[in-house]
Structures are given as structure tokens and as C-alpha cells.
């Protein structure tokens, strides 16, 4: 059979052919940056690495760009990592573009949405390294919007699903590497419906969830020696970095009662609490909703409640 038509991997998310071609079944639509009149937010794309093509989409309240104040207002800097199981979506996705416009409008932050490289073309650790590059770049305020309007003393991380997995991992990286540039502080992290896994089931975890990760993780990280107990997928695995190494000062873990990934999210939240980490941990569970519902149904009641809590967390409440 022709390698161009023979499948080596098939799932509802994507197909991979033996000749290496990847066919994503959704999450490929893009929209350009610019001014969003509905929210009063302006965005632009900035290339972070010309070699890899990794870029970030920056979002800022438009009135700050139009103001004549000689001492511009400094906003918290939010690094956002989109979801998609580390294999789908982008910072240019219309869905995430809409979500970031809304979040920046309501929270009054300067957001940096990272277009990290996707597996399987770029296996792990590419997504983590790209996101780390974006974090250190944002904390260095190496852009006029960031230097004039960003407060590096109030840096936050947030992400959903696969992006929430990255949030955990780069927060650990910030606690185990040389850290952020001088003057920068990782104030908090928001882990929304995180993508975690493990060889042994946790309380309430269904077989379906484990089967998904057993199939997907080898595609994302083919060189992993620990399989589903790779510390990057299972933060509670034997040999994983201590959760005390989380570099943020506070953590918000969110899930939904119908989210298939809820048991792992809850176990992670409890593990952080039990680890002796000195930060504050909060759990928020949305009722009657499924995985990343707030991205696809931004105007439903539970989405609005979740948005309110995220906004309050970013405001220090």
C-alpha cells in the first residue's frame, strides 16, 4: 500500500500517515490579530524564534495604546497556553482568539498567547521549551507593549487541557532552572481541565480516559522511557520533581463534574496540597459541564462563573 495513504495512527483528533503526513481533523482554522471592537482589545503577533517559527499573540486593552499618560498603567502579564492535547489548535484559533479578547477585557491584563509547536511533527519537549522561551521573553518585557504596560512583578500562567499540562511543567521548570529574569515574579498559575495521565488509575478515573492517553502519549512523546508515568504527564509519578518546586505563589485548579479528566485534576490538586508546597491552592468545579466547555460555550452560566473566578484570581482576590 502507498505510504501516502496508509495510516500509522488514527483517532478522532488526527491521522498520521506512514509517509509522515499529518491530517488534523479540526482545530486548524485561524484568524488574524487586530482590534476587537466588541471587547476593546487589540492584538498583534510577535515572532519569538525565527528558526522554529514560534510566535506569540499579544493582547492589550486598546485604551492603553491610545492614552497620553506619561506614566502608563502597568498590567499583570498573563502567559496563556492553548489546549488541543498538544497536537491541535493554535494561538491564531478563532476560538482562543475570542476567549483571550474576552479575558483581557474583563481582567485588565496584558496577555501573551503562545503558538508553541505541536506533536507529532515536534514531539515533547518542544512544546515545553517553546513555552519556556515565551515565558522568559515575556518576563523580560522585550516588546514595547510589555515594557510600557506590563508588570513583570505580576506574571501569571494559564492554560487549558494540554495547555494546562504545559502550565504545570513550566512552573516546575521555573522552580528548578535558573528561574525568571531579575525583577520578574511568577505570582500565580491557573490550571484549567488539565491533561494528565498515569499507569495506575486514580479514584473515579474511567477506562476511556486511560485508553485515550495510552494511545496519544506515545505519539506526543515517542522517546518517553516511563510511558504514562512520565513525570511530564503524571506529576505524581515516582521520580517526578517535587511539587514543592512549583514556582508560583498561588494555584487555581479547575475542572467540571462531567469532565473525563476531572479525577486526575482533583488528584493533582490534592497532591499539591499534601506536598508541603508553601503556596495557596484552590479547587473550582463547574456543575453539569464537560471538558473545556468554557472555550466552546463562553456565554453559558458556568462559563461566566468560571470567568469571574479567573478574573478575581488575576486581581489577587
C-alpha atoms as a PDB file:
ATOM      1  CA  UNK A   1       0.000   0.000   0.000  1.00  0.00           C
ATOM      2  CA  UNK A   2       1.137   3.537  -0.764  1.00  0.00           C
ATOM      3  CA  UNK A   3       2.738   5.112   2.382  1.00  0.00           C
ATOM      4  CA  UNK A   4       0.924   8.337   1.471  1.00  0.00           C
ATOM      5  CA  UNK A   5      -2.436   6.640   2.075  1.00  0.00           C
ATOM      6  CA  UNK A   6      -1.590   4.025   4.736  1.00  0.00           C
ATOM      7  CA  UNK A   7      -2.297   5.148   8.299  1.00  0.00           C
ATOM      8  CA  UNK A   8       0.181   4.695  11.139  1.00  0.00           C
ATOM      9  CA  UNK A   9      -2.086   6.468  13.661  1.00  0.00           C
ATOM     10  CA  UNK A  10      -5.830   7.143  13.575  1.00  0.00           C
ATOM     11  CA  UNK A  11      -8.039   8.931  16.098  1.00  0.00           C
ATOM     12  CA  UNK A  12     -10.941  11.403  16.260  1.00  0.00           C
ATOM     13  CA  UNK A  13      -8.319  14.155  16.654  1.00  0.00           C
ATOM     14  CA  UNK A  14      -5.889  13.488  13.823  1.00  0.00           C
ATOM     15  CA  UNK A  15      -4.485  10.934  11.418  1.00  0.00           C
ATOM     16  CA  UNK A  16      -0.821  10.232  10.762  1.00  0.00           C
ATOM     17  CA  UNK A  17       0.248   8.506   7.556  1.00  0.00           C
ATOM     18  CA  UNK A  18       3.270   6.279   7.089  1.00  0.00           C
ATOM     19  CA  UNK A  19       4.963   8.899   4.928  1.00  0.00           C
ATOM     20  CA  UNK A  20       4.850  11.270   7.920  1.00  0.00           C
ATOM     21  CA  UNK A  21       1.960  13.422   6.733  1.00  0.00           C
ATOM     22  CA  UNK A  22      -0.358  14.635   9.493  1.00  0.00           C
ATOM     23  CA  UNK A  23      -4.050  15.288   8.886  1.00  0.00           C
ATOM     24  CA  UNK A  24      -5.716  17.250  11.680  1.00  0.00           C
ATOM     25  CA  UNK A  25      -9.477  16.731  11.706  1.00  0.00           C
ATOM     26  CA  UNK A  26     -10.285  20.057  13.387  1.00  0.00           C
ATOM     27  CA  UNK A  27      -8.576  22.946  15.159  1.00  0.00           C
ATOM     28  CA  UNK A  28      -6.788  24.243  12.060  1.00  0.00           C
ATOM     29  CA  UNK A  29      -8.834  27.386  11.350  1.00  0.00           C
ATOM     30  CA  UNK A  30      -7.046  30.680  12.025  1.00  0.00           C
ATOM     31  CA  UNK A  31      -7.968  34.341  12.398  1.00  0.00           C
ATOM     32  CA  UNK A  32      -5.692  37.389  12.198  1.00  0.00           C
ATOM     33  CA  UNK A  33      -4.856  39.709  15.097  1.00  0.00           C
ATOM     34  CA  UNK A  34      -6.151  43.274  15.270  1.00  0.00           C
ATOM     35  CA  UNK A  35      -8.629  45.477  17.112  1.00  0.00           C
ATOM     36  CA  UNK A  36     -11.727  43.790  18.536  1.00  0.00           C
ATOM     37  CA  UNK A  37     -14.436  46.423  18.822  1.00  0.00           C
ATOM     38  CA  UNK A  38     -16.713  44.255  20.973  1.00  0.00           C
ATOM     39  CA  UNK A  39     -14.179  43.971  23.797  1.00  0.00           C
ATOM     40  CA  UNK A  40     -11.959  46.994  23.209  1.00  0.00           C
ATOM     41  CA  UNK A  41      -8.872  44.794  22.981  1.00  0.00           C
ATOM     42  CA  UNK A  42      -6.079  44.982  20.406  1.00  0.00           C
ATOM     43  CA  UNK A  43      -3.795  42.099  19.468  1.00  0.00           C
ATOM     44  CA  UNK A  44      -0.647  41.560  17.424  1.00  0.00           C
ATOM     45  CA  UNK A  45       1.662  38.658  16.570  1.00  0.00           C
ATOM     46  CA  UNK A  46       5.348  38.702  17.535  1.00  0.00           C
ATOM     47  CA  UNK A  47       7.852  36.102  16.326  1.00  0.00           C
ATOM     48  CA  UNK A  48       9.886  34.744  19.246  1.00  0.00           C
ATOM     49  CA  UNK A  49      12.175  32.401  17.342  1.00  0.00           C
ATOM     50  CA  UNK A  50      12.837  32.891  13.641  1.00  0.00           C
ATOM     51  CA  UNK A  51      14.357  29.423  13.339  1.00  0.00           C
ATOM     52  CA  UNK A  52      11.373  27.483  14.687  1.00  0.00           C
ATOM     53  CA  UNK A  53       8.704  29.995  13.686  1.00  0.00           C
ATOM     54  CA  UNK A  54       7.305  30.071  17.219  1.00  0.00           C
ATOM     55  CA  UNK A  55       5.309  33.240  17.843  1.00  0.00           C
ATOM     56  CA  UNK A  56       3.068  34.771  20.466  1.00  0.00           C
ATOM     57  CA  UNK A  57      -0.137  36.716  20.067  1.00  0.00           C
ATOM     58  CA  UNK A  58      -0.176  39.686  22.434  1.00  0.00           C
ATOM     59  CA  UNK A  59      -3.419  41.223  23.718  1.00  0.00           C
ATOM     60  CA  UNK A  60      -3.816  44.615  25.395  1.00  0.00           C
ATOM     61  CA  UNK A  61      -6.751  46.907  26.255  1.00  0.00           C
ATOM     62  CA  UNK A  62      -6.892  49.348  23.350  1.00  0.00           C
ATOM     63  CA  UNK A  63      -7.358  52.408  25.559  1.00  0.00           C
ATOM     64  CA  UNK A  64      -3.835  51.933  26.946  1.00  0.00           C
ATOM     65  CA  UNK A  65      -2.411  52.259  23.443  1.00  0.00           C
ATOM     66  CA  UNK A  66      -4.419  55.418  22.824  1.00  0.00           C
ATOM     67  CA  UNK A  67      -3.720  57.083  26.165  1.00  0.00           C
ATOM     68  CA  UNK A  68      -1.393  60.055  26.565  1.00  0.00           C
ATOM     69  CA  UNK A  69      -0.443  59.371  30.189  1.00  0.00           C
ATOM     70  CA  UNK A  70       3.300  59.919  30.660  1.00  0.00           C
ATOM     71  CA  UNK A  71       3.281  57.163  33.294  1.00  0.00           C
ATOM     72  CA  UNK A  72       1.405  54.307  31.603  1.00  0.00           C
ATOM     73  CA  UNK A  73      -0.589  51.902  33.753  1.00  0.00           C
ATOM     74  CA  UNK A  74       1.206  48.630  34.425  1.00  0.00           C
ATOM     75  CA  UNK A  75      -0.861  45.483  33.972  1.00  0.00           C
ATOM     76  CA  UNK A  76      -0.257  41.911  35.121  1.00  0.00           C
ATOM     77  CA  UNK A  77       1.295  39.755  32.397  1.00  0.00           C
ATOM     78  CA  UNK A  78      -0.647  36.567  31.606  1.00  0.00           C
ATOM     79  CA  UNK A  79       1.058  33.822  29.600  1.00  0.00           C
ATOM     80  CA  UNK A  80      -1.671  31.644  28.056  1.00  0.00           C
ATOM     81  CA  UNK A  81      -1.153  28.130  26.640  1.00  0.00           C
ATOM     82  CA  UNK A  82      -3.960  26.905  24.390  1.00  0.00           C
ATOM     83  CA  UNK A  83      -5.456  23.450  24.618  1.00  0.00           C
ATOM     84  CA  UNK A  84      -5.747  20.737  21.991  1.00  0.00           C
ATOM     85  CA  UNK A  85      -3.964  17.780  23.555  1.00  0.00           C
ATOM     86  CA  UNK A  86      -0.557  19.118  22.434  1.00  0.00           C
ATOM     87  CA  UNK A  87      -1.483  18.070  18.879  1.00  0.00           C
ATOM     88  CA  UNK A  88      -4.216  20.537  17.821  1.00  0.00           C
ATOM     89  CA  UNK A  89      -5.163  24.240  17.795  1.00  0.00           C
ATOM     90  CA  UNK A  90      -3.008  27.374  17.782  1.00  0.00           C
ATOM     91  CA  UNK A  91      -2.749  30.864  19.214  1.00  0.00           C
ATOM     92  CA  UNK A  92      -4.463  32.012  15.982  1.00  0.00           C
ATOM     93  CA  UNK A  93      -7.525  29.830  16.547  1.00  0.00           C
ATOM     94  CA  UNK A  94     -10.776  31.851  16.332  1.00  0.00           C
ATOM     95  CA  UNK A  95     -11.966  30.089  19.478  1.00  0.00           C
ATOM     96  CA  UNK A  96      -8.928  31.026  21.538  1.00  0.00           C
ATOM     97  CA  UNK A  97      -8.728  34.485  19.977  1.00  0.00           C
ATOM     98  CA  UNK A  98     -12.291  35.135  21.164  1.00  0.00           C
ATOM     99  CA  UNK A  99     -11.526  33.750  24.632  1.00  0.00           C
ATOM    100  CA  UNK A 100      -8.384  35.856  25.076  1.00  0.00           C
ATOM    101  CA  UNK A 101     -10.130  39.028  23.897  1.00  0.00           C
ATOM    102  CA  UNK A 102     -12.838  38.445  26.492  1.00  0.00           C
ATOM    103  CA  UNK A 103     -10.411  37.539  29.280  1.00  0.00           C
ATOM    104  CA  UNK A 104      -8.175  40.572  28.688  1.00  0.00           C
ATOM    105  CA  UNK A 105     -11.207  42.864  28.584  1.00  0.00           C
ATOM    106  CA  UNK A 106     -12.633  41.556  31.864  1.00  0.00           C
ATOM    107  CA  UNK A 107      -9.385  41.019  33.786  1.00  0.00           C
ATOM    108  CA  UNK A 108      -7.421  44.058  32.630  1.00  0.00           C
ATOM    109  CA  UNK A 109      -4.252  42.093  31.899  1.00  0.00           C
ATOM    110  CA  UNK A 110      -1.684  42.038  29.117  1.00  0.00           C
ATOM    111  CA  UNK A 111      -1.863  38.532  27.643  1.00  0.00           C
ATOM    112  CA  UNK A 112       0.768  36.583  25.726  1.00  0.00           C
ATOM    113  CA  UNK A 113      -0.814  33.602  23.947  1.00  0.00           C
ATOM    114  CA  UNK A 114       1.881  31.156  22.842  1.00  0.00           C
ATOM    115  CA  UNK A 115       1.858  29.418  19.479  1.00  0.00           C
ATOM    116  CA  UNK A 116       4.048  26.509  20.605  1.00  0.00           C
ATOM    117  CA  UNK A 117       4.985  23.721  18.206  1.00  0.00           C
ATOM    118  CA  UNK A 118       2.691  20.707  18.065  1.00  0.00           C
ATOM    119  CA  UNK A 119       3.298  16.964  18.145  1.00  0.00           C
ATOM    120  CA  UNK A 120       3.738  14.663  16.330  1.00  0.00           C
ATOM    121  CA  UNK A 121       5.837  16.788  13.964  1.00  0.00           C
ATOM    122  CA  UNK A 122       7.553  18.291  17.007  1.00  0.00           C
ATOM    123  CA  UNK A 123       7.451  15.792  19.886  1.00  0.00           C
ATOM    124  CA  UNK A 124       7.801  16.694  23.537  1.00  0.00           C
ATOM    125  CA  UNK A 125       9.778  18.548  24.857  1.00  0.00           C
ATOM    126  CA  UNK A 126       9.296  21.074  22.003  1.00  0.00           C
ATOM    127  CA  UNK A 127       6.053  22.497  23.430  1.00  0.00           C
ATOM    128  CA  UNK A 128       7.627  22.916  26.878  1.00  0.00           C
ATOM    129  CA  UNK A 129      10.781  24.552  25.551  1.00  0.00           C
ATOM    130  CA  UNK A 130       8.790  26.894  23.309  1.00  0.00           C
ATOM    131  CA  UNK A 131       6.583  27.885  26.230  1.00  0.00           C
ATOM    132  CA  UNK A 132       9.590  28.399  28.482  1.00  0.00           C
ATOM    133  CA  UNK A 133      11.138  30.634  25.826  1.00  0.00           C
ATOM    134  CA  UNK A 134       7.895  32.625  25.693  1.00  0.00           C
ATOM    135  CA  UNK A 135       7.738  32.917  29.487  1.00  0.00           C
ATOM    136  CA  UNK A 136      11.274  34.242  29.830  1.00  0.00           C
ATOM    137  CA  UNK A 137      10.705  36.580  26.865  1.00  0.00           C
ATOM    138  CA  UNK A 138       7.515  37.960  28.372  1.00  0.00           C
ATOM    139  CA  UNK A 139       9.097  38.336  31.819  1.00  0.00           C
ATOM    140  CA  UNK A 140      11.997  40.225  30.196  1.00  0.00           C
ATOM    141  CA  UNK A 141       9.386  42.602  28.679  1.00  0.00           C
ATOM    142  CA  UNK A 142      11.248  42.531  25.396  1.00  0.00           C
ATOM    143  CA  UNK A 143       8.475  44.271  23.441  1.00  0.00           C
ATOM    144  CA  UNK A 144       7.128  47.855  23.593  1.00  0.00           C
ATOM    145  CA  UNK A 145       3.704  46.739  24.830  1.00  0.00           C
ATOM    146  CA  UNK A 146       5.307  44.710  27.602  1.00  0.00           C
ATOM    147  CA  UNK A 147       7.961  47.262  28.552  1.00  0.00           C
ATOM    148  CA  UNK A 148       5.486  50.152  28.696  1.00  0.00           C
ATOM    149  CA  UNK A 149       2.422  48.413  30.081  1.00  0.00           C
ATOM    150  CA  UNK A 150       3.475  45.071  31.603  1.00  0.00           C
ATOM    151  CA  UNK A 151       4.295  44.450  35.267  1.00  0.00           C
ATOM    152  CA  UNK A 152       6.935  41.708  35.436  1.00  0.00           C
ATOM    153  CA  UNK A 153       6.374  41.537  39.183  1.00  0.00           C
ATOM    154  CA  UNK A 154       2.919  40.078  38.478  1.00  0.00           C
ATOM    155  CA  UNK A 155       3.337  37.269  35.952  1.00  0.00           C
ATOM    156  CA  UNK A 156       0.630  34.607  35.692  1.00  0.00           C
ATOM    157  CA  UNK A 157       0.376  31.337  33.776  1.00  0.00           C
ATOM    158  CA  UNK A 158      -2.882  29.876  32.481  1.00  0.00           C
ATOM    159  CA  UNK A 159      -3.837  27.116  30.084  1.00  0.00           C
ATOM    160  CA  UNK A 160      -6.494  24.538  29.356  1.00  0.00           C
ATOM    161  CA  UNK A 161      -6.235  20.794  28.689  1.00  0.00           C
ATOM    162  CA  UNK A 162      -2.852  20.199  27.007  1.00  0.00           C
ATOM    163  CA  UNK A 163      -2.007  23.826  27.702  1.00  0.00           C
ATOM    164  CA  UNK A 164      -2.708  23.255  31.406  1.00  0.00           C
ATOM    165  CA  UNK A 165      -0.206  20.392  31.287  1.00  0.00           C
ATOM    166  CA  UNK A 166       2.340  22.907  29.975  1.00  0.00           C
ATOM    167  CA  UNK A 167       1.433  25.349  32.759  1.00  0.00           C
ATOM    168  CA  UNK A 168       2.368  22.748  35.361  1.00  0.00           C
ATOM    169  CA  UNK A 169       5.576  21.775  33.612  1.00  0.00           C
ATOM    170  CA  UNK A 170       6.951  25.271  33.040  1.00  0.00           C
ATOM    171  CA  UNK A 171       6.041  26.248  36.596  1.00  0.00           C
ATOM    172  CA  UNK A 172       8.203  23.324  37.719  1.00  0.00           C
ATOM    173  CA  UNK A 173      10.894  24.430  35.257  1.00  0.00           C
ATOM    174  CA  UNK A 174      10.812  27.915  36.773  1.00  0.00           C
ATOM    175  CA  UNK A 175      11.395  26.351  40.180  1.00  0.00           C
ATOM    176  CA  UNK A 176      14.230  24.047  39.111  1.00  0.00           C
ATOM    177  CA  UNK A 177      16.126  26.067  36.489  1.00  0.00           C
ATOM    178  CA  UNK A 178      17.801  29.435  36.993  1.00  0.00           C
ATOM    179  CA  UNK A 179      14.342  30.990  37.182  1.00  0.00           C
ATOM    180  CA  UNK A 180      12.978  34.135  35.617  1.00  0.00           C
ATOM    181  CA  UNK A 181      14.855  37.351  34.812  1.00  0.00           C
ATOM    182  CA  UNK A 182      15.686  39.669  37.740  1.00  0.00           C
ATOM    183  CA  UNK A 183      12.630  41.536  38.974  1.00  0.00           C
ATOM    184  CA  UNK A 184      10.170  39.050  37.489  1.00  0.00           C
ATOM    185  CA  UNK A 185       7.825  37.128  39.780  1.00  0.00           C
ATOM    186  CA  UNK A 186       5.525  34.232  38.944  1.00  0.00           C
ATOM    187  CA  UNK A 187       2.533  35.264  41.001  1.00  0.00           C
ATOM    188  CA  UNK A 188       0.081  32.516  40.104  1.00  0.00           C
ATOM    189  CA  UNK A 189      -0.929  29.667  37.808  1.00  0.00           C
ATOM    190  CA  UNK A 190      -4.366  28.649  36.546  1.00  0.00           C
ATOM    191  CA  UNK A 191      -4.721  25.001  35.540  1.00  0.00           C
ATOM    192  CA  UNK A 192      -7.939  24.565  33.563  1.00  0.00           C
ATOM    193  CA  UNK A 193      -9.132  20.984  32.938  1.00  0.00           C
ATOM    194  CA  UNK A 194      -5.553  19.648  32.802  1.00  0.00           C
ATOM    195  CA  UNK A 195      -4.333  16.799  30.631  1.00  0.00           C
ATOM    196  CA  UNK A 196      -2.569  14.372  32.967  1.00  0.00           C
ATOM    197  CA  UNK A 197      -2.208  10.588  32.972  1.00  0.00           C
ATOM    198  CA  UNK A 198      -0.647   7.633  34.748  1.00  0.00           C
ATOM    199  CA  UNK A 199      -0.265   3.877  34.622  1.00  0.00           C
ATOM    200  CA  UNK A 200      -2.310   3.307  37.772  1.00  0.00           C
ATOM    201  CA  UNK A 201      -5.881   4.672  37.836  1.00  0.00           C
ATOM    202  CA  UNK A 202      -6.837   7.332  40.349  1.00  0.00           C
ATOM    203  CA  UNK A 203     -10.136   7.404  42.214  1.00  0.00           C
ATOM    204  CA  UNK A 204     -13.021   7.867  39.781  1.00  0.00           C
ATOM    205  CA  UNK A 205     -10.942   7.592  36.613  1.00  0.00           C
ATOM    206  CA  UNK A 206     -12.635   5.711  33.797  1.00  0.00           C
ATOM    207  CA  UNK A 207     -11.089   3.225  31.409  1.00  0.00           C
ATOM    208  CA  UNK A 208     -11.905   5.534  28.488  1.00  0.00           C
ATOM    209  CA  UNK A 209      -9.612   8.257  29.826  1.00  0.00           C
ATOM    210  CA  UNK A 210      -6.685   5.915  30.289  1.00  0.00           C
ATOM    211  CA  UNK A 211      -7.184   4.391  26.836  1.00  0.00           C
ATOM    212  CA  UNK A 212      -7.014   7.871  25.281  1.00  0.00           C
ATOM    213  CA  UNK A 213      -3.688   8.626  26.926  1.00  0.00           C
ATOM    214  CA  UNK A 214      -2.270   5.156  26.233  1.00  0.00           C
ATOM    215  CA  UNK A 215      -2.816   5.855  22.545  1.00  0.00           C
ATOM    216  CA  UNK A 216      -1.960   9.563  22.423  1.00  0.00           C
ATOM    217  CA  UNK A 217       1.081   9.902  24.694  1.00  0.00           C
ATOM    218  CA  UNK A 218       3.420   7.672  22.591  1.00  0.00           C
ATOM    219  CA  UNK A 219       2.600   9.906  19.624  1.00  0.00           C
ATOM    220  CA  UNK A 220       3.302  13.075  21.614  1.00  0.00           C
ATOM    221  CA  UNK A 221       6.423  11.781  23.332  1.00  0.00           C
ATOM    222  CA  UNK A 222       7.791   8.731  21.469  1.00  0.00           C
ATOM    223  CA  UNK A 223      11.097   8.760  23.369  1.00  0.00           C
ATOM    224  CA  UNK A 224       9.498   8.577  26.809  1.00  0.00           C
ATOM    225  CA  UNK A 225      11.008   5.765  28.871  1.00  0.00           C
ATOM    226  CA  UNK A 226       8.310   5.855  31.556  1.00  0.00           C
ATOM    227  CA  UNK A 227       5.217   5.795  29.357  1.00  0.00           C
ATOM    228  CA  UNK A 228       2.165   7.133  31.170  1.00  0.00           C
ATOM    229  CA  UNK A 229       4.262   7.612  34.292  1.00  0.00           C
ATOM    230  CA  UNK A 230       6.492  10.103  32.535  1.00  0.00           C
ATOM    231  CA  UNK A 231       6.686  12.922  35.138  1.00  0.00           C
ATOM    232  CA  UNK A 232       5.647  15.418  32.478  1.00  0.00           C
ATOM    233  CA  UNK A 233       2.332  13.584  32.098  1.00  0.00           C
ATOM    234  CA  UNK A 234       1.993  12.269  35.646  1.00  0.00           C
ATOM    235  CA  UNK A 235       3.194  14.857  38.183  1.00  0.00           C
ATOM    236  CA  UNK A 236       2.554  12.333  40.983  1.00  0.00           C
ATOM    237  CA  UNK A 237       4.703   9.566  39.475  1.00  0.00           C
ATOM    238  CA  UNK A 238       7.655   8.094  41.324  1.00  0.00           C
ATOM    239  CA  UNK A 239      10.711  10.151  40.431  1.00  0.00           C
ATOM    240  CA  UNK A 240       8.719  13.232  39.379  1.00  0.00           C
ATOM    241  CA  UNK A 241      10.046  16.589  40.597  1.00  0.00           C
ATOM    242  CA  UNK A 242       8.689  17.537  43.998  1.00  0.00           C
ATOM    243  CA  UNK A 243       5.520  19.601  43.752  1.00  0.00           C
ATOM    244  CA  UNK A 244       7.195  21.905  46.248  1.00  0.00           C
ATOM    245  CA  UNK A 245       9.216  23.127  43.250  1.00  0.00           C
ATOM    246  CA  UNK A 246       6.188  24.880  41.736  1.00  0.00           C
ATOM    247  CA  UNK A 247       7.475  28.412  41.301  1.00  0.00           C
ATOM    248  CA  UNK A 248       4.153  30.246  41.542  1.00  0.00           C
ATOM    249  CA  UNK A 249       2.808  31.678  44.786  1.00  0.00           C
ATOM    250  CA  UNK A 250      -0.779  30.537  44.286  1.00  0.00           C
ATOM    251  CA  UNK A 251      -2.558  27.923  42.185  1.00  0.00           C
ATOM    252  CA  UNK A 252      -6.114  27.630  40.870  1.00  0.00           C
ATOM    253  CA  UNK A 253      -7.091  24.150  39.613  1.00  0.00           C
ATOM    254  CA  UNK A 254     -10.370  23.957  37.689  1.00  0.00           C
ATOM    255  CA  UNK A 255     -12.452  21.112  36.313  1.00  0.00           C
ATOM    256  CA  UNK A 256     -16.089  20.161  35.674  1.00  0.00           C
ATOM    257  CA  UNK A 257     -18.144  17.334  37.079  1.00  0.00           C
ATOM    258  CA  UNK A 258     -18.656  15.765  33.630  1.00  0.00           C
ATOM    259  CA  UNK A 259     -15.053  16.278  32.510  1.00  0.00           C
ATOM    260  CA  UNK A 260     -13.425  12.922  31.781  1.00  0.00           C
ATOM    261  CA  UNK A 261     -10.140  14.398  33.052  1.00  0.00           C
ATOM    262  CA  UNK A 262     -11.636  15.509  36.384  1.00  0.00           C
ATOM    263  CA  UNK A 263     -10.270  12.633  38.531  1.00  0.00           C
ATOM    264  CA  UNK A 264      -6.679  13.424  37.546  1.00  0.00           C
ATOM    265  CA  UNK A 265      -7.209  17.143  38.092  1.00  0.00           C
ATOM    266  CA  UNK A 266      -8.628  16.508  41.567  1.00  0.00           C
ATOM    267  CA  UNK A 267      -5.784  14.124  42.435  1.00  0.00           C
ATOM    268  CA  UNK A 268      -3.250  16.727  41.286  1.00  0.00           C
ATOM    269  CA  UNK A 269      -4.877  19.420  43.405  1.00  0.00           C
ATOM    270  CA  UNK A 270      -4.811  17.190  46.491  1.00  0.00           C
ATOM    271  CA  UNK A 271      -1.212  16.141  45.795  1.00  0.00           C
ATOM    272  CA  UNK A 272      -0.088  19.769  45.683  1.00  0.00           C
ATOM    273  CA  UNK A 273      -1.881  20.451  48.981  1.00  0.00           C
ATOM    274  CA  UNK A 274      -0.225  17.414  50.586  1.00  0.00           C
ATOM    275  CA  UNK A 275       3.247  18.144  49.216  1.00  0.00           C
ATOM    276  CA  UNK A 276       4.188  20.837  51.695  1.00  0.00           C
ATOM    277  CA  UNK A 277       4.243  23.482  48.978  1.00  0.00           C
ATOM    278  CA  UNK A 278       4.070  26.878  50.655  1.00  0.00           C
ATOM    279  CA  UNK A 279       1.668  28.475  48.186  1.00  0.00           C
ATOM    280  CA  UNK A 280      -2.118  28.581  48.323  1.00  0.00           C
ATOM    281  CA  UNK A 281      -4.200  26.090  46.343  1.00  0.00           C
ATOM    282  CA  UNK A 282      -7.822  26.477  45.288  1.00  0.00           C
ATOM    283  CA  UNK A 283     -10.148  23.991  43.581  1.00  0.00           C
ATOM    284  CA  UNK A 284     -13.085  25.092  41.413  1.00  0.00           C
ATOM    285  CA  UNK A 285     -15.529  22.621  39.900  1.00  0.00           C
ATOM    286  CA  UNK A 286     -18.188  23.599  37.362  1.00  0.00           C
ATOM    287  CA  UNK A 287     -21.508  21.772  37.512  1.00  0.00           C
ATOM    288  CA  UNK A 288     -23.161  19.937  34.631  1.00  0.00           C
ATOM    289  CA  UNK A 289     -20.404  20.642  32.111  1.00  0.00           C
ATOM    290  CA  UNK A 290     -17.782  18.701  30.158  1.00  0.00           C
ATOM    291  CA  UNK A 291     -14.126  19.096  29.218  1.00  0.00           C
ATOM    292  CA  UNK A 292     -13.152  22.716  28.306  1.00  0.00           C
ATOM    293  CA  UNK A 293     -16.811  23.687  27.936  1.00  0.00           C
ATOM    294  CA  UNK A 294     -15.931  27.339  28.626  1.00  0.00           C
ATOM    295  CA  UNK A 295     -13.943  27.563  25.391  1.00  0.00           C
ATOM    296  CA  UNK A 296     -16.805  26.299  23.243  1.00  0.00           C
ATOM    297  CA  UNK A 297     -19.713  27.780  25.227  1.00  0.00           C
ATOM    298  CA  UNK A 298     -18.337  31.084  26.564  1.00  0.00           C
ATOM    299  CA  UNK A 299     -21.739  32.602  27.324  1.00  0.00           C
ATOM    300  CA  UNK A 300     -23.303  29.813  29.387  1.00  0.00           C
ATOM    301  CA  UNK A 301     -23.824  30.360  33.125  1.00  0.00           C
ATOM    302  CA  UNK A 302     -20.997  28.089  34.250  1.00  0.00           C
ATOM    303  CA  UNK A 303     -18.583  29.718  31.787  1.00  0.00           C
ATOM    304  CA  UNK A 304     -19.435  33.138  33.167  1.00  0.00           C
ATOM    305  CA  UNK A 305     -18.933  31.913  36.736  1.00  0.00           C
ATOM    306  CA  UNK A 306     -15.569  30.418  35.808  1.00  0.00           C
ATOM    307  CA  UNK A 307     -14.524  33.612  34.046  1.00  0.00           C
ATOM    308  CA  UNK A 308     -15.440  35.622  37.149  1.00  0.00           C
ATOM    309  CA  UNK A 309     -13.253  33.390  39.321  1.00  0.00           C
ATOM    310  CA  UNK A 310     -10.312  33.578  36.900  1.00  0.00           C
ATOM    311  CA  UNK A 311     -10.630  37.368  36.786  1.00  0.00           C
ATOM    312  CA  UNK A 312     -10.702  37.551  40.582  1.00  0.00           C
ATOM    313  CA  UNK A 313      -7.663  35.275  40.849  1.00  0.00           C
ATOM    314  CA  UNK A 314      -5.714  37.513  38.469  1.00  0.00           C
ATOM    315  CA  UNK A 315      -6.771  40.546  40.521  1.00  0.00           C
ATOM    316  CA  UNK A 316      -5.351  38.993  43.665  1.00  0.00           C
ATOM    317  CA  UNK A 317      -8.675  38.026  45.238  1.00  0.00           C
END
